[in-house]
Amino acid sequence: MKNAKISWKTTVGGLFSAMGAAIVGANVAIGLTPPGWLLWAGYLVSAIGPVLLGSSARDASATSQDHGARP
């Protein structure tokens, strides 16, 4: 892609989603009992991640034509 702009907000949103899913998923997969605050932090981070990702998906102020998706 020409002129591809990388957004830090979408990157952070993706990382939050992955970290939250890993914390919550490890609790279920391994079967260990983590501290309560860690599980709540996992739920919170996994909820914030997709919201940040979805709200900033078009923050580069570029149209579909600019990215070459539309003629």
PDB file of N, CA and C in Angstrom:
ATOM      1  N   MET A   1       0.826  -1.176   0.000  1.00  0.00           N
ATOM      2  CA  MET A   1       0.000   0.000   0.000  1.00  0.00           C
ATOM      3  C   MET A   1       0.868   1.235   0.000  1.00  0.00           C
ATOM      4  N   LYS A   2       0.465   2.170  -0.794  1.00  0.00           N
ATOM      5  CA  LYS A   2       1.155   3.459  -0.768  1.00  0.00           C
ATOM      6  C   LYS A   2       0.590   4.301   0.362  1.00  0.00           C
ATOM      7  N   ASN A   3       1.455   5.030   0.979  1.00  0.00           N
ATOM      8  CA  ASN A   3       1.054   5.979   2.021  1.00  0.00           C
ATOM      9  C   ASN A   3       0.271   5.319   3.150  1.00  0.00           C
ATOM     10  N   ALA A   4       0.620   4.118   3.517  1.00  0.00           N
ATOM     11  CA  ALA A   4      -0.072   3.448   4.613  1.00  0.00           C
ATOM     12  C   ALA A   4       0.319   4.117   5.927  1.00  0.00           C
ATOM     13  N   LYS A   5      -0.688   4.499   6.669  1.00  0.00           N
ATOM     14  CA  LYS A   5      -0.443   5.133   7.962  1.00  0.00           C
ATOM     15  C   LYS A   5      -0.721   4.112   9.054  1.00  0.00           C
ATOM     16  N   ILE A   6       0.176   4.019   9.998  1.00  0.00           N
ATOM     17  CA  ILE A   6       0.012   3.086  11.100  1.00  0.00           C
ATOM     18  C   ILE A   6      -0.515   3.860  12.295  1.00  0.00           C
ATOM     19  N   SER A   7      -1.573   3.351  12.878  1.00  0.00           N
ATOM     20  CA  SER A   7      -2.189   4.021  14.010  1.00  0.00           C
ATOM     21  C   SER A   7      -1.776   3.343  15.311  1.00  0.00           C
ATOM     22  N   TRP A   8      -1.316   4.117  16.245  1.00  0.00           N
ATOM     23  CA  TRP A   8      -0.950   3.551  17.541  1.00  0.00           C
ATOM     24  C   TRP A   8      -2.186   3.112  18.312  1.00  0.00           C
ATOM     25  N   LYS A   9      -3.325   3.753  18.056  1.00  0.00           N
ATOM     26  CA  LYS A   9      -4.539   3.409  18.797  1.00  0.00           C
ATOM     27  C   LYS A   9      -5.045   2.016  18.442  1.00  0.00           C
ATOM     28  N   THR A  10      -5.015   1.681  17.154  1.00  0.00           N
ATOM     29  CA  THR A  10      -5.463   0.344  16.772  1.00  0.00           C
ATOM     30  C   THR A  10      -4.475  -0.717  17.255  1.00  0.00           C
ATOM     31  N   THR A  11      -3.201  -0.387  17.280  1.00  0.00           N
ATOM     32  CA  THR A  11      -2.197  -1.334  17.784  1.00  0.00           C
ATOM     33  C   THR A  11      -2.396  -1.589  19.275  1.00  0.00           C
ATOM     34  N   VAL A  12      -2.613  -0.538  20.032  1.00  0.00           N
ATOM     35  CA  VAL A  12      -2.834  -0.686  21.475  1.00  0.00           C
ATOM     36  C   VAL A  12      -4.148  -1.432  21.729  1.00  0.00           C
ATOM     37  N   GLY A  13      -5.181  -1.140  20.950  1.00  0.00           N
ATOM     38  CA  GLY A  13      -6.444  -1.858  21.095  1.00  0.00           C
ATOM     39  C   GLY A  13      -6.290  -3.344  20.841  1.00  0.00           C
ATOM     40  N   GLY A  14      -5.518  -3.704  19.833  1.00  0.00           N
ATOM     41  CA  GLY A  14      -5.267  -5.116  19.552  1.00  0.00           C
ATOM     42  C   GLY A  14      -4.460  -5.791  20.650  1.00  0.00           C
ATOM     43  N   LEU A  15      -3.471  -5.077  21.176  1.00  0.00           N
ATOM     44  CA  LEU A  15      -2.678  -5.632  22.277  1.00  0.00           C
ATOM     45  C   LEU A  15      -3.514  -5.819  23.542  1.00  0.00           C
ATOM     46  N   PHE A  16      -4.374  -4.858  23.846  1.00  0.00           N
ATOM     47  CA  PHE A  16      -5.256  -4.995  25.007  1.00  0.00           C
ATOM     48  C   PHE A  16      -6.180  -6.192  24.851  1.00  0.00           C
ATOM     49  N   SER A  17      -6.733  -6.363  23.649  1.00  0.00           N
ATOM     50  CA  SER A  17      -7.621  -7.501  23.403  1.00  0.00           C
ATOM     51  C   SER A  17      -6.879  -8.811  23.610  1.00  0.00           C
ATOM     52  N   ALA A  18      -5.670  -8.899  23.080  1.00  0.00           N
ATOM     53  CA  ALA A  18      -4.896 -10.126  23.199  1.00  0.00           C
ATOM     54  C   ALA A  18      -4.478 -10.404  24.644  1.00  0.00           C
ATOM     55  N   MET A  19      -4.035  -9.369  25.347  1.00  0.00           N
ATOM     56  CA  MET A  19      -3.606  -9.566  26.732  1.00  0.00           C
ATOM     57  C   MET A  19      -4.782  -9.965  27.625  1.00  0.00           C
ATOM     58  N   GLY A  20      -5.906  -9.308  27.452  1.00  0.00           N
ATOM     59  CA  GLY A  20      -7.076  -9.652  28.257  1.00  0.00           C
ATOM     60  C   GLY A  20      -7.552 -11.062  27.990  1.00  0.00           C
ATOM     61  N   ALA A  21      -7.571 -11.455  26.708  1.00  0.00           N
ATOM     62  CA  ALA A  21      -7.981 -12.816  26.366  1.00  0.00           C
ATOM     63  C   ALA A  21      -7.000 -13.846  26.921  1.00  0.00           C
ATOM     64  N   ALA A  22      -5.716 -13.512  26.924  1.00  0.00           N
ATOM     65  CA  ALA A  22      -4.713 -14.437  27.462  1.00  0.00           C
ATOM     66  C   ALA A  22      -4.865 -14.611  28.968  1.00  0.00           C
ATOM     67  N   ILE A  23      -5.138 -13.534  29.670  1.00  0.00           N
ATOM     68  CA  ILE A  23      -5.301 -13.624  31.130  1.00  0.00           C
ATOM     69  C   ILE A  23      -6.534 -14.441  31.476  1.00  0.00           C
ATOM     70  N   VAL A  24      -7.651 -14.130  30.842  1.00  0.00           N
ATOM     71  CA  VAL A  24      -8.893 -14.840  31.136  1.00  0.00           C
ATOM     72  C   VAL A  24      -8.817 -16.279  30.625  1.00  0.00           C
ATOM     73  N   GLY A  25      -8.250 -16.465  29.442  1.00  0.00           N
ATOM     74  CA  GLY A  25      -8.154 -17.809  28.871  1.00  0.00           C
ATOM     75  C   GLY A  25      -7.212 -18.711  29.639  1.00  0.00           C
ATOM     76  N   ALA A  26      -6.136 -18.164  30.167  1.00  0.00           N
ATOM     77  CA  ALA A  26      -5.205 -18.971  30.954  1.00  0.00           C
ATOM     78  C   ALA A  26      -5.873 -19.462  32.232  1.00  0.00           C
ATOM     79  N   ASN A  27      -6.736 -18.657  32.781  1.00  0.00           N
ATOM     80  CA  ASN A  27      -7.455 -19.060  33.983  1.00  0.00           C
ATOM     81  C   ASN A  27      -8.307 -20.290  33.685  1.00  0.00           C
ATOM     82  N   VAL A  28      -8.978 -20.291  32.545  1.00  0.00           N
ATOM     83  CA  VAL A  28      -9.854 -21.407  32.191  1.00  0.00           C
ATOM     84  C   VAL A  28      -9.038 -22.621  31.743  1.00  0.00           C
ATOM     85  N   ALA A  29      -8.013 -22.403  30.917  1.00  0.00           N
ATOM     86  CA  ALA A  29      -7.256 -23.508  30.342  1.00  0.00           C
ATOM     87  C   ALA A  29      -6.389 -24.236  31.366  1.00  0.00           C
ATOM     88  N   ILE A  30      -5.716 -23.485  32.202  1.00  0.00           N
ATOM     89  CA  ILE A  30      -4.796 -24.098  33.160  1.00  0.00           C
ATOM     90  C   ILE A  30      -5.526 -24.557  34.416  1.00  0.00           C
ATOM     91  N   GLY A  31      -6.574 -23.849  34.767  1.00  0.00           N
ATOM     92  CA  GLY A  31      -7.345 -24.229  35.935  1.00  0.00           C
ATOM     93  C   GLY A  31      -6.792 -23.712  37.249  1.00  0.00           C
ATOM     94  N   LEU A  32      -5.847 -22.801  37.176  1.00  0.00           N
ATOM     95  CA  LEU A  32      -5.322 -22.206  38.401  1.00  0.00           C
ATOM     96  C   LEU A  32      -6.247 -21.099  38.877  1.00  0.00           C
ATOM     97  N   THR A  33      -6.179 -20.791  40.124  1.00  0.00           N
ATOM     98  CA  THR A  33      -6.983 -19.713  40.667  1.00  0.00           C
ATOM     99  C   THR A  33      -6.102 -18.483  40.842  1.00  0.00           C
ATOM    100  N   PRO A  34      -6.204 -17.526  39.914  1.00  0.00           N
ATOM    101  CA  PRO A  34      -5.396 -16.314  40.048  1.00  0.00           C
ATOM    102  C   PRO A  34      -6.014 -15.382  41.087  1.00  0.00           C
ATOM    103  N   PRO A  35      -5.273 -14.381  41.506  1.00  0.00           N
ATOM    104  CA  PRO A  35      -5.867 -13.396  42.413  1.00  0.00           C
ATOM    105  C   PRO A  35      -7.076 -12.728  41.756  1.00  0.00           C
ATOM    106  N   GLY A  36      -8.015 -12.333  42.544  1.00  0.00           N
ATOM    107  CA  GLY A  36      -9.236 -11.724  42.020  1.00  0.00           C
ATOM    108  C   GLY A  36      -8.984 -10.479  41.197  1.00  0.00           C
ATOM    109  N   TRP A  37      -8.006  -9.688  41.618  1.00  0.00           N
ATOM    110  CA  TRP A  37      -7.728  -8.441  40.902  1.00  0.00           C
ATOM    111  C   TRP A  37      -7.187  -8.722  39.512  1.00  0.00           C
ATOM    112  N   LEU A  38      -6.424  -9.818  39.351  1.00  0.00           N
ATOM    113  CA  LEU A  38      -5.860 -10.133  38.048  1.00  0.00           C
ATOM    114  C   LEU A  38      -6.955 -10.558  37.069  1.00  0.00           C
ATOM    115  N   LEU A  39      -7.900 -11.339  37.546  1.00  0.00           N
ATOM    116  CA  LEU A  39      -9.007 -11.759  36.692  1.00  0.00           C
ATOM    117  C   LEU A  39      -9.864 -10.563  36.282  1.00  0.00           C
ATOM    118  N   TRP A  40     -10.133  -9.668  37.231  1.00  0.00           N
ATOM    119  CA  TRP A  40     -10.890  -8.456  36.899  1.00  0.00           C
ATOM    120  C   TRP A  40     -10.123  -7.570  35.920  1.00  0.00           C
ATOM    121  N   ALA A  41      -8.809  -7.487  36.093  1.00  0.00           N
ATOM    122  CA  ALA A  41      -7.985  -6.715  35.156  1.00  0.00           C
ATOM    123  C   ALA A  41      -8.053  -7.332  33.765  1.00  0.00           C
ATOM    124  N   GLY A  42      -8.050  -8.652  33.686  1.00  0.00           N
ATOM    125  CA  GLY A  42      -8.178  -9.329  32.398  1.00  0.00           C
ATOM    126  C   GLY A  42      -9.504  -9.025  31.732  1.00  0.00           C
ATOM    127  N   TYR A  43     -10.588  -9.073  32.513  1.00  0.00           N
ATOM    128  CA  TYR A  43     -11.907  -8.740  31.955  1.00  0.00           C
ATOM    129  C   TYR A  43     -11.962  -7.289  31.484  1.00  0.00           C
ATOM    130  N   LEU A  44     -11.402  -6.393  32.283  1.00  0.00           N
ATOM    131  CA  LEU A  44     -11.428  -4.971  31.949  1.00  0.00           C
ATOM    132  C   LEU A  44     -10.621  -4.677  30.689  1.00  0.00           C
ATOM    133  N   VAL A  45      -9.416  -5.220  30.613  1.00  0.00           N
ATOM    134  CA  VAL A  45      -8.557  -4.975  29.460  1.00  0.00           C
ATOM    135  C   VAL A  45      -9.149  -5.607  28.204  1.00  0.00           C
ATOM    136  N   SER A  46      -9.751  -6.800  28.351  1.00  0.00           N
ATOM    137  CA  SER A  46     -10.351  -7.431  27.178  1.00  0.00           C
ATOM    138  C   SER A  46     -11.631  -6.726  26.746  1.00  0.00           C
ATOM    139  N   ALA A  47     -12.230  -5.934  27.600  1.00  0.00           N
ATOM    140  CA  ALA A  47     -13.394  -5.140  27.207  1.00  0.00           C
ATOM    141  C   ALA A  47     -12.975  -3.804  26.579  1.00  0.00           C
ATOM    142  N   ILE A  48     -11.901  -3.220  27.073  1.00  0.00           N
ATOM    143  CA  ILE A  48     -11.438  -1.935  26.551  1.00  0.00           C
ATOM    144  C   ILE A  48     -10.808  -2.093  25.169  1.00  0.00           C
ATOM    145  N   GLY A  49     -10.095  -3.194  24.952  1.00  0.00           N
ATOM    146  CA  GLY A  49      -9.391  -3.408  23.691  1.00  0.00           C
ATOM    147  C   GLY A  49     -10.262  -3.297  22.448  1.00  0.00           C
ATOM    148  N   PRO A  50     -11.345  -4.062  22.347  1.00  0.00           N
ATOM    149  CA  PRO A  50     -12.188  -3.953  21.147  1.00  0.00           C
ATOM    150  C   PRO A  50     -12.865  -2.591  20.990  1.00  0.00           C
ATOM    151  N   VAL A  51     -13.183  -1.947  22.099  1.00  0.00           N
ATOM    152  CA  VAL A  51     -13.783  -0.612  22.011  1.00  0.00           C
ATOM    153  C   VAL A  51     -12.781   0.373  21.414  1.00  0.00           C
ATOM    154  N   LEU A  52     -11.563   0.326  21.887  1.00  0.00           N
ATOM    155  CA  LEU A  52     -10.514   1.200  21.347  1.00  0.00           C
ATOM    156  C   LEU A  52     -10.225   0.853  19.891  1.00  0.00           C
ATOM    157  N   LEU A  53     -10.204  -0.419  19.590  1.00  0.00           N
ATOM    158  CA  LEU A  53      -9.939  -0.869  18.228  1.00  0.00           C
ATOM    159  C   LEU A  53     -11.042  -0.415  17.281  1.00  0.00           C
ATOM    160  N   GLY A  54     -12.277  -0.594  17.675  1.00  0.00           N
ATOM    161  CA  GLY A  54     -13.397  -0.216  16.808  1.00  0.00           C
ATOM    162  C   GLY A  54     -13.581   1.280  16.668  1.00  0.00           C
ATOM    163  N   SER A  55     -13.313   2.013  17.728  1.00  0.00           N
ATOM    164  CA  SER A  55     -13.518   3.458  17.657  1.00  0.00           C
ATOM    165  C   SER A  55     -12.413   4.176  16.888  1.00  0.00           C
ATOM    166  N   SER A  56     -11.280   3.532  16.713  1.00  0.00           N
ATOM    167  CA  SER A  56     -10.176   4.205  16.036  1.00  0.00           C
ATOM    168  C   SER A  56      -9.771   3.502  14.745  1.00  0.00           C
ATOM    169  N   ALA A  57     -10.632   2.688  14.199  1.00  0.00           N
ATOM    170  CA  ALA A  57     -10.267   1.936  12.997  1.00  0.00           C
ATOM    171  C   ALA A  57     -10.067   2.852  11.793  1.00  0.00           C
ATOM    172  N   ARG A  58     -10.749   3.970  11.733  1.00  0.00           N
ATOM    173  CA  ARG A  58     -10.617   4.890  10.607  1.00  0.00           C
ATOM    174  C   ARG A  58      -9.972   6.207  11.025  1.00  0.00           C
ATOM    175  N   ASP A  59      -9.089   6.182  11.997  1.00  0.00           N
ATOM    176  CA  ASP A  59      -8.533   7.430  12.503  1.00  0.00           C
ATOM    177  C   ASP A  59      -7.430   8.007  11.621  1.00  0.00           C
ATOM    178  N   ALA A  60      -7.096   7.342  10.518  1.00  0.00           N
ATOM    179  CA  ALA A  60      -6.066   7.880   9.640  1.00  0.00           C
ATOM    180  C   ALA A  60      -6.630   8.968   8.719  1.00  0.00           C
ATOM    181  N   SER A  61      -7.924   9.238   8.818  1.00  0.00           N
ATOM    182  CA  SER A  61      -8.603  10.240   8.000  1.00  0.00           C
ATOM    183  C   SER A  61      -8.397   9.977   6.513  1.00  0.00           C
ATOM    184  N   ALA A  62      -8.456   8.727   6.137  1.00  0.00           N
ATOM    185  CA  ALA A  62      -8.280   8.336   4.743  1.00  0.00           C
ATOM    186  C   ALA A  62      -9.533   7.611   4.268  1.00  0.00           C
ATOM    187  N   THR A  63      -9.888   7.850   3.036  1.00  0.00           N
ATOM    188  CA  THR A  63     -11.056   7.195   2.464  1.00  0.00           C
ATOM    189  C   THR A  63     -10.653   5.867   1.833  1.00  0.00           C
ATOM    190  N   SER A  64     -11.640   5.104   1.375  1.00  0.00           N
ATOM    191  CA  SER A  64     -11.352   3.832   0.708  1.00  0.00           C
ATOM    192  C   SER A  64     -10.572   4.065  -0.575  1.00  0.00           C
ATOM    193  N   GLN A  65     -10.854   5.167  -1.254  1.00  0.00           N
ATOM    194  CA  GLN A  65     -10.127   5.485  -2.486  1.00  0.00           C
ATOM    195  C   GLN A  65      -8.647   5.751  -2.206  1.00  0.00           C
ATOM    196  N   ASP A  66      -8.367   6.381  -1.082  1.00  0.00           N
ATOM    197  CA  ASP A  66      -6.986   6.677  -0.715  1.00  0.00           C
ATOM    198  C   ASP A  66      -6.179   5.395  -0.504  1.00  0.00           C
ATOM    199  N   HIS A  67      -6.843   4.377  -0.008  1.00  0.00           N
ATOM    200  CA  HIS A  67      -6.158   3.100   0.261  1.00  0.00           C
ATOM    201  C   HIS A  67      -6.208   2.151  -0.924  1.00  0.00           C
ATOM    202  N   GLY A  68      -6.903   2.530  -1.969  1.00  0.00           N
ATOM    203  CA  GLY A  68      -6.965   1.684  -3.152  1.00  0.00           C
ATOM    204  C   GLY A  68      -8.006   0.585  -3.095  1.00  0.00           C
ATOM    205  N   ALA A  69      -8.917   0.647  -2.121  1.00  0.00           N
ATOM    206  CA  ALA A  69      -9.936  -0.383  -2.011  1.00  0.00           C
ATOM    207  C   ALA A  69     -11.092  -0.128  -2.981  1.00  0.00           C
ATOM    208  N   ARG A  70     -11.258   1.086  -3.395  1.00  0.00           N
ATOM    209  CA  ARG A  70     -12.305   1.461  -4.343  1.00  0.00           C
ATOM    210  C   ARG A  70     -11.679   2.205  -5.508  1.00  0.00           C
ATOM    211  N   PRO A  71     -12.185   1.932  -6.693  1.00  0.00           N
ATOM    212  CA  PRO A  71     -11.647   2.688  -7.866  1.00  0.00           C
ATOM    213  C   PRO A  71     -12.105   4.129  -7.879  1.00  0.00           C
TER     214      PRO A  71
END
